[in-house]
Amino acid sequence: MFNLKRFSVTVKAFVAVLALFAVGGLQTANAAADVKPKFVFKIGHDQPENHPYHNFALKFAEEVKKGTNGQVLIEIFPGAQLGSESAMTDSVRIGTLDFLISTTGNSSSLLPRVGIMGMPFMYESGAHALAVSKDAELLKYYQDIVHKADVGIELLAFAASGLRNVYSTVPITSLADLTGLKIRTQSSPIEVEVWKALGAIPTSMPFAEIYTALQTGLVKAAENCPTSYVINKHNEAAPYYVKTENSWMMHPILASDRALKKVDDATRKVFYDAAKVASQAIYDAQQVSDDKYLAEGIKAGVKYTAVIDRKPFMAIVIPIQDKVAKDLGTEVALSRVRALAPSKAK
């Protein structure tokens, strides 16, 4: 005879077992989603969070987390929280900082042969700079150079971003206006040599000191992309912005040798791959950001000169590029950069 009471008890027991399995499965799923990282590393940069540098850092952290299934967490320190770019480069060298979004100007003080990648008037366009940043041949060439330098740093990737132009406290309409003009430069012997040849008086200083230097007259000019110019309020002290197109920014993405040695080969590959993916993020963000902040700067009173004759600049700088490449033994790199120019493909 069918026993309804016994059947009801059996069903309840079965439902209870299913519930236990469901709860257990949910706990397992939650545990998988909330993996505790095995490693926590730091990446630093010297710009605010609304700068494209931060887009790179966020994308790099995202790709590393995804590529390691949450086993590696990247903590981001923007706005020079960990010191100036030069100071952070030294921190990467000694292993107290793991990753850095650098510039060729500042990293060349430790790695001189990298400096040629950011030489003024090197790139025809953003497309040229982007092609160079993605070129496997050039990257391998410089990764070998950095590794053999044995300074505690490895090169993960190059990232192209935006166009640097001159801005000043006085009008600049031609090359002649640079004569005797004190201009802030990065701590790169190559940049110093170029600006001297152009007639200016280069003065190296950390980025954070530029605003005060412009206000006090310690320098009369500097050069950077529209984003850095406006979000750091340099336009308040130097309202003249000139489209000199002197440099497309090329960023060496640096890693501490000590950090790389803490992980296995597979994780190291994730770092290299993540840097390559994030390099596109900084370029894309920079183009949008520069258009936005140039428009904001003009609206706020910036006097923008959109056209200036670059031929006299090029006539002076190209022979310097050749000389510097020869002195550094990087003629191969210079030749490759020039070969990647869009005009050479026509």
Protein backbone atom coordinates (compact mmCIF):
# COMPACT_ATOMS: atom_id res chain seq x y z
CA MET A 1 0.00 0.00 0.00
CA PHE A 2 1.20 3.48 -0.86
CA ASN A 3 2.35 5.35 2.27
CA LEU A 4 1.79 9.07 1.70
CA LYS A 5 3.47 10.06 4.94
CA ARG A 6 6.63 8.06 4.19
CA PHE A 7 6.70 9.44 0.61
CA SER A 8 6.42 13.02 1.92
CA VAL A 9 9.35 12.45 4.30
CA THR A 10 11.43 10.95 1.49
CA VAL A 11 10.74 13.90 -0.83
CA LYS A 12 11.65 16.36 1.91
CA ALA A 13 14.91 14.53 2.54
CA PHE A 14 15.70 14.50 -1.16
CA VAL A 15 15.01 18.24 -1.44
CA ALA A 16 17.21 18.85 1.59
CA VAL A 17 20.09 16.93 -0.04
CA LEU A 18 19.66 18.93 -3.27
CA ALA A 19 19.71 22.13 -1.24
CA LEU A 20 22.96 21.09 0.40
CA PHE A 21 24.47 20.38 -3.01
CA ALA A 22 23.20 23.73 -4.31
CA VAL A 23 24.65 25.62 -1.35
CA GLY A 24 27.91 23.75 -1.70
CA GLY A 25 28.02 24.50 -5.41
CA LEU A 26 27.27 28.16 -4.78
CA GLN A 27 30.02 28.37 -2.18
CA THR A 28 32.44 26.72 -4.61
CA ALA A 29 31.48 29.13 -7.37
CA ASN A 30 31.86 32.11 -5.05
CA ALA A 31 35.22 30.82 -3.90
CA ALA A 32 36.36 30.49 -7.52
CA ALA A 33 35.18 34.02 -8.27
CA ASP A 34 36.96 35.38 -5.22
CA VAL A 35 40.38 33.82 -5.65
CA LYS A 36 42.95 35.14 -3.22
CA PRO A 37 45.95 36.31 -5.26
CA LYS A 38 49.21 34.50 -4.81
CA PHE A 39 51.20 37.59 -5.80
CA VAL A 40 50.56 41.32 -5.51
CA PHE A 41 52.70 43.63 -7.65
CA LYS A 42 52.82 47.41 -8.05
CA ILE A 43 52.78 49.57 -11.17
CA GLY A 44 53.47 53.29 -10.97
CA HIS A 45 53.19 56.39 -13.15
CA ASP A 46 53.49 60.13 -12.62
CA GLN A 47 50.17 61.37 -14.05
CA PRO A 48 46.64 61.84 -12.61
CA GLU A 49 43.99 59.14 -12.93
CA ASN A 50 42.28 60.97 -15.81
CA HIS A 51 45.45 60.72 -17.91
CA PRO A 52 45.88 57.97 -20.58
CA TYR A 53 48.77 56.55 -18.54
CA HIS A 54 46.09 55.31 -16.18
CA ASN A 55 44.23 53.62 -19.04
CA PHE A 56 47.38 51.61 -19.68
CA ALA A 57 47.73 50.69 -16.01
CA LEU A 58 44.09 49.60 -15.72
CA LYS A 59 44.23 47.50 -18.88
CA PHE A 60 47.54 45.95 -17.84
CA ALA A 61 46.10 45.01 -14.44
CA GLU A 62 42.96 43.59 -16.06
CA GLU A 63 44.90 41.47 -18.54
CA VAL A 64 47.25 40.14 -15.85
CA LYS A 65 44.36 39.19 -13.59
CA LYS A 66 42.58 37.46 -16.47
CA GLY A 67 45.71 35.72 -17.74
CA THR A 68 46.62 34.34 -14.31
CA ASN A 69 43.05 33.42 -13.25
CA GLY A 70 43.25 35.91 -10.41
CA GLN A 71 46.53 34.56 -9.05
CA VAL A 72 48.31 37.89 -9.68
CA LEU A 73 46.96 41.27 -8.60
CA ILE A 74 48.40 44.55 -9.91
CA GLU A 75 48.06 47.56 -7.60
CA ILE A 76 48.19 50.93 -9.38
CA PHE A 77 49.94 54.00 -7.95
CA PRO A 78 49.24 57.08 -10.12
CA GLY A 79 50.14 60.74 -9.70
CA ALA A 80 53.80 60.25 -8.71
CA GLN A 81 52.72 58.71 -5.38
CA LEU A 82 55.91 56.65 -5.51
CA GLY A 83 58.12 59.52 -6.62
CA SER A 84 59.11 61.19 -9.87
CA GLU A 85 59.51 59.08 -12.99
CA SER A 86 63.29 59.13 -12.57
CA ALA A 87 62.93 58.05 -8.93
CA MET A 88 60.51 55.27 -9.90
CA THR A 89 62.94 54.07 -12.57
CA ASP A 90 65.52 53.65 -9.85
CA SER A 91 62.92 51.85 -7.70
CA VAL A 92 62.32 49.37 -10.52
CA ARG A 93 66.07 48.89 -10.79
CA ILE A 94 66.46 47.96 -7.13
CA GLY A 95 63.20 46.00 -7.01
CA THR A 96 61.05 48.15 -4.71
CA LEU A 97 58.67 48.90 -7.61
CA ASP A 98 57.61 46.13 -9.98
CA PHE A 99 56.37 47.88 -13.15
CA LEU A 100 56.61 51.39 -14.58
CA ILE A 101 55.12 53.33 -17.48
CA SER A 102 58.21 55.28 -18.47
CA THR A 103 59.35 57.71 -21.16
CA THR A 104 62.40 57.34 -23.36
CA GLY A 105 63.64 60.69 -22.04
CA ASN A 106 63.77 59.62 -18.41
CA SER A 107 64.66 55.95 -18.87
CA SER A 108 67.60 56.88 -21.11
CA SER A 109 69.51 58.23 -18.12
CA LEU A 110 69.86 54.58 -17.06
CA LEU A 111 69.48 52.96 -20.48
CA PRO A 112 71.07 55.45 -22.93
CA ARG A 113 70.50 53.39 -26.09
CA VAL A 114 66.73 53.44 -25.54
CA GLY A 115 66.78 57.24 -25.81
CA ILE A 116 66.90 57.30 -29.58
CA MET A 117 63.35 55.87 -29.74
CA GLY A 118 62.00 59.15 -28.39
CA MET A 119 64.22 61.58 -30.28
CA PRO A 120 62.50 64.78 -31.40
CA PHE A 121 61.18 64.81 -34.97
CA MET A 122 61.63 61.03 -35.29
CA TYR A 123 58.07 60.09 -36.35
CA GLU A 124 55.98 61.26 -39.29
CA SER A 125 52.65 60.63 -37.62
CA GLY A 126 50.77 58.72 -34.98
CA ALA A 127 50.43 55.81 -37.39
CA HIS A 128 54.21 55.74 -37.74
CA ALA A 129 54.77 55.78 -33.97
CA LEU A 130 52.15 53.07 -33.44
CA ALA A 131 53.76 50.86 -36.08
CA VAL A 132 57.14 51.28 -34.40
CA SER A 133 55.71 50.43 -30.97
CA LYS A 134 54.26 47.18 -32.34
CA ASP A 135 57.26 46.14 -34.40
CA ALA A 136 58.51 42.75 -33.17
CA GLU A 137 61.96 43.25 -34.67
CA LEU A 138 62.60 46.53 -32.84
CA LEU A 139 61.16 45.23 -29.59
CA LYS A 140 63.40 42.16 -29.62
CA TYR A 141 66.41 44.36 -30.47
CA TYR A 142 65.80 46.58 -27.46
CA GLN A 143 64.80 43.78 -25.10
CA ASP A 144 68.21 42.22 -25.77
CA ILE A 145 69.94 45.57 -25.16
CA VAL A 146 68.12 46.17 -21.87
CA HIS A 147 68.72 42.61 -20.69
CA LYS A 148 72.44 42.77 -21.49
CA ALA A 149 72.73 46.11 -19.68
CA ASP A 150 72.18 44.08 -16.49
CA VAL A 151 70.73 46.96 -14.48
CA GLY A 152 67.94 44.97 -12.81
CA ILE A 153 65.33 45.98 -15.40
CA GLU A 154 63.65 44.20 -18.30
CA LEU A 155 61.68 45.76 -21.17
CA LEU A 156 58.16 44.36 -21.56
CA ALA A 157 56.98 46.47 -24.49
CA PHE A 158 56.93 49.87 -26.14
CA ALA A 159 53.74 51.93 -26.10
CA ALA A 160 53.15 54.92 -28.36
CA SER A 161 50.76 57.57 -27.10
CA GLY A 162 50.44 61.23 -28.00
CA LEU A 163 52.10 64.13 -29.73
CA ARG A 164 54.29 66.54 -27.79
CA ASN A 165 54.24 70.22 -28.73
CA VAL A 166 55.96 73.29 -27.31
CA TYR A 167 54.09 75.62 -24.95
CA SER A 168 55.42 78.87 -23.56
CA THR A 169 54.91 82.09 -21.66
CA VAL A 170 55.74 84.08 -24.83
CA PRO A 171 54.57 83.70 -28.44
CA ILE A 172 56.47 81.28 -30.71
CA THR A 173 55.85 81.53 -34.44
CA SER A 174 59.10 80.19 -35.94
CA LEU A 175 62.35 78.42 -35.14
CA ALA A 176 64.01 81.79 -34.55
CA ASP A 177 61.79 82.36 -31.50
CA LEU A 178 63.50 79.48 -29.71
CA THR A 179 66.85 81.28 -29.68
CA GLY A 180 67.89 81.86 -26.08
CA LEU A 181 64.57 80.50 -24.75
CA LYS A 182 64.84 78.47 -21.54
CA ILE A 183 62.87 75.28 -22.08
CA ARG A 184 62.22 72.43 -19.69
CA THR A 185 63.36 69.07 -20.99
CA GLN A 186 63.36 65.54 -19.66
CA SER A 187 66.59 64.17 -18.20
CA SER A 188 67.86 62.88 -21.53
CA PRO A 189 71.24 63.88 -22.97
CA ILE A 190 69.79 63.36 -26.45
CA GLU A 191 66.95 65.84 -25.86
CA VAL A 192 69.35 68.35 -24.36
CA GLU A 193 71.55 68.12 -27.44
CA VAL A 194 68.61 68.59 -29.81
CA TRP A 195 67.15 71.62 -28.06
CA LYS A 196 70.57 73.25 -27.84
CA ALA A 197 71.01 72.76 -31.58
CA LEU A 198 67.62 74.40 -32.12
CA GLY A 199 68.87 77.46 -30.25
CA ALA A 200 67.05 76.97 -26.94
CA ILE A 201 68.52 76.68 -23.44
CA PRO A 202 67.39 73.28 -22.13
CA THR A 203 66.78 72.83 -18.40
CA SER A 204 66.05 69.35 -17.03
CA MET A 205 63.67 69.00 -14.09
CA PRO A 206 60.99 66.60 -12.76
CA PHE A 207 57.53 66.98 -14.27
CA ALA A 208 56.02 68.07 -10.95
CA GLU A 209 58.25 71.17 -10.88
CA ILE A 210 57.27 72.58 -14.28
CA TYR A 211 54.25 74.64 -13.18
CA THR A 212 56.22 76.58 -10.58
CA ALA A 213 59.19 76.95 -12.93
CA LEU A 214 56.94 78.54 -15.56
CA GLN A 215 55.31 80.81 -12.98
CA THR A 216 58.61 82.05 -11.58
CA GLY A 217 60.35 82.38 -14.94
CA LEU A 218 62.94 79.70 -14.21
CA VAL A 219 61.91 78.40 -17.64
CA LYS A 220 59.88 80.13 -20.34
CA ALA A 221 58.72 77.00 -22.15
CA ALA A 222 58.16 73.26 -21.95
CA GLU A 223 56.77 70.62 -24.29
CA ASN A 224 54.15 67.95 -23.85
CA CYS A 225 50.85 66.61 -25.16
CA PRO A 226 47.65 68.68 -24.79
CA THR A 227 46.37 66.32 -22.08
CA SER A 228 49.36 66.79 -19.77
CA TYR A 229 49.46 70.50 -20.58
CA VAL A 230 45.85 71.19 -19.56
CA ILE A 231 45.07 68.70 -16.78
CA ASN A 232 48.20 69.82 -14.93
CA LYS A 233 47.14 73.46 -15.45
CA HIS A 234 50.35 74.46 -17.21
CA ASN A 235 48.17 76.53 -19.55
CA GLU A 236 47.58 78.93 -16.65
CA ALA A 237 51.27 79.84 -16.56
CA ALA A 238 52.12 79.30 -20.25
CA PRO A 239 49.15 80.21 -22.46
CA TYR A 240 50.87 79.79 -25.84
CA TYR A 241 50.61 76.30 -27.36
CA VAL A 242 52.31 75.65 -30.70
CA LYS A 243 51.85 72.59 -32.91
CA THR A 244 55.56 71.90 -33.35
CA GLU A 245 54.90 68.15 -33.50
CA ASN A 246 58.35 67.67 -32.06
CA SER A 247 57.83 64.23 -30.54
CA TRP A 248 55.42 61.36 -30.64
CA MET A 249 55.71 59.87 -27.16
CA MET A 250 57.21 56.40 -26.98
CA HIS A 251 56.96 54.69 -23.60
CA PRO A 252 59.21 51.83 -22.53
CA ILE A 253 57.17 49.60 -20.22
CA LEU A 254 59.66 48.47 -17.62
CA ALA A 255 59.63 45.52 -15.23
CA SER A 256 61.83 44.81 -12.25
CA ASP A 257 64.04 41.79 -12.74
CA ARG A 258 63.32 40.85 -9.11
CA ALA A 259 59.57 40.80 -9.78
CA LEU A 260 59.93 38.63 -12.88
CA LYS A 261 62.08 36.13 -11.01
CA LYS A 262 59.33 35.60 -8.42
CA VAL A 263 56.99 33.97 -10.95
CA ASP A 264 57.12 31.06 -13.39
CA ASP A 265 57.60 31.27 -17.16
CA ALA A 266 53.89 31.16 -17.89
CA THR A 267 53.19 34.13 -15.63
CA ARG A 268 56.09 36.09 -17.09
CA LYS A 269 54.59 35.57 -20.52
CA VAL A 270 51.30 36.97 -19.22
CA PHE A 271 53.13 40.15 -18.16
CA TYR A 272 54.69 40.58 -21.61
CA ASP A 273 51.41 39.89 -23.40
CA ALA A 274 49.44 42.20 -21.09
CA ALA A 275 51.83 45.07 -21.76
CA LYS A 276 51.37 44.65 -25.51
CA VAL A 277 47.57 44.68 -25.21
CA ALA A 278 47.62 47.69 -22.89
CA SER A 279 49.86 49.63 -25.28
CA GLN A 280 46.92 49.93 -27.68
CA ALA A 281 44.74 51.18 -24.81
CA ILE A 282 47.05 54.09 -24.03
CA TYR A 283 47.30 55.10 -27.70
CA ASP A 284 43.53 55.05 -28.23
CA ALA A 285 42.85 56.93 -25.01
CA GLN A 286 45.53 59.51 -25.78
CA GLN A 287 44.04 60.51 -29.14
CA VAL A 288 40.61 61.10 -27.62
CA SER A 289 42.04 62.84 -24.57
CA ASP A 290 44.33 65.19 -26.51
CA ASP A 291 41.48 66.38 -28.74
CA LYS A 292 39.31 66.95 -25.70
CA TYR A 293 41.84 68.86 -23.63
CA LEU A 294 43.14 70.97 -26.51
CA ALA A 295 39.57 72.14 -27.11
CA GLU A 296 39.12 72.84 -23.39
CA GLY A 297 42.39 74.74 -23.27
CA ILE A 298 41.45 76.93 -26.24
CA LYS A 299 38.08 77.63 -24.65
CA ALA A 300 39.88 78.66 -21.44
CA GLY A 301 42.08 81.14 -23.32
CA VAL A 302 45.01 79.16 -24.73
CA LYS A 303 46.47 80.84 -27.82
CA TYR A 304 46.94 77.93 -30.20
CA THR A 305 49.19 78.05 -33.26
CA ALA A 306 48.14 75.17 -35.49
CA VAL A 307 50.69 75.69 -38.27
CA ILE A 308 54.44 76.31 -38.03
CA ASP A 309 57.12 75.62 -40.62
CA ARG A 310 58.84 72.42 -39.46
CA LYS A 311 61.38 72.22 -42.30
CA PRO A 312 64.03 74.33 -40.51
CA PHE A 313 63.66 72.13 -37.42
CA MET A 314 64.04 68.94 -39.46
CA ALA A 315 67.11 70.25 -41.29
CA ILE A 316 68.88 70.66 -37.95
CA VAL A 317 67.62 67.53 -36.18
CA ILE A 318 68.00 64.76 -38.80
CA PRO A 319 71.82 64.98 -38.83
CA ILE A 320 71.74 64.85 -35.01
CA GLN A 321 69.65 61.69 -35.17
CA ASP A 322 72.29 60.13 -37.43
CA LYS A 323 75.13 61.22 -35.15
CA VAL A 324 73.45 60.02 -31.96
CA ALA A 325 72.61 56.64 -33.49
CA LYS A 326 76.23 56.22 -34.56
CA ASP A 327 77.55 57.26 -31.14
CA LEU A 328 75.21 54.83 -29.35
CA GLY A 329 75.66 52.02 -31.84
CA THR A 330 71.95 51.99 -32.66
CA GLU A 331 72.07 52.66 -36.41
CA VAL A 332 70.05 49.47 -36.93
CA ALA A 333 67.22 50.82 -34.78
CA LEU A 334 67.20 54.23 -36.47
CA SER A 335 67.14 52.59 -39.89
CA ARG A 336 64.26 50.35 -38.87
CA VAL A 337 62.25 53.27 -37.42
CA ARG A 338 62.68 55.23 -40.64
CA ALA A 339 61.78 52.20 -42.76
CA LEU A 340 58.45 51.89 -40.93
CA ALA A 341 57.38 55.43 -41.88
CA PRO A 342 54.16 55.47 -43.93
CA SER A 343 55.83 57.58 -46.61
CA LYS A 344 58.34 54.76 -47.19
CA ALA A 345 55.51 52.34 -47.94
CA LYS A 346 54.26 54.39 -50.88
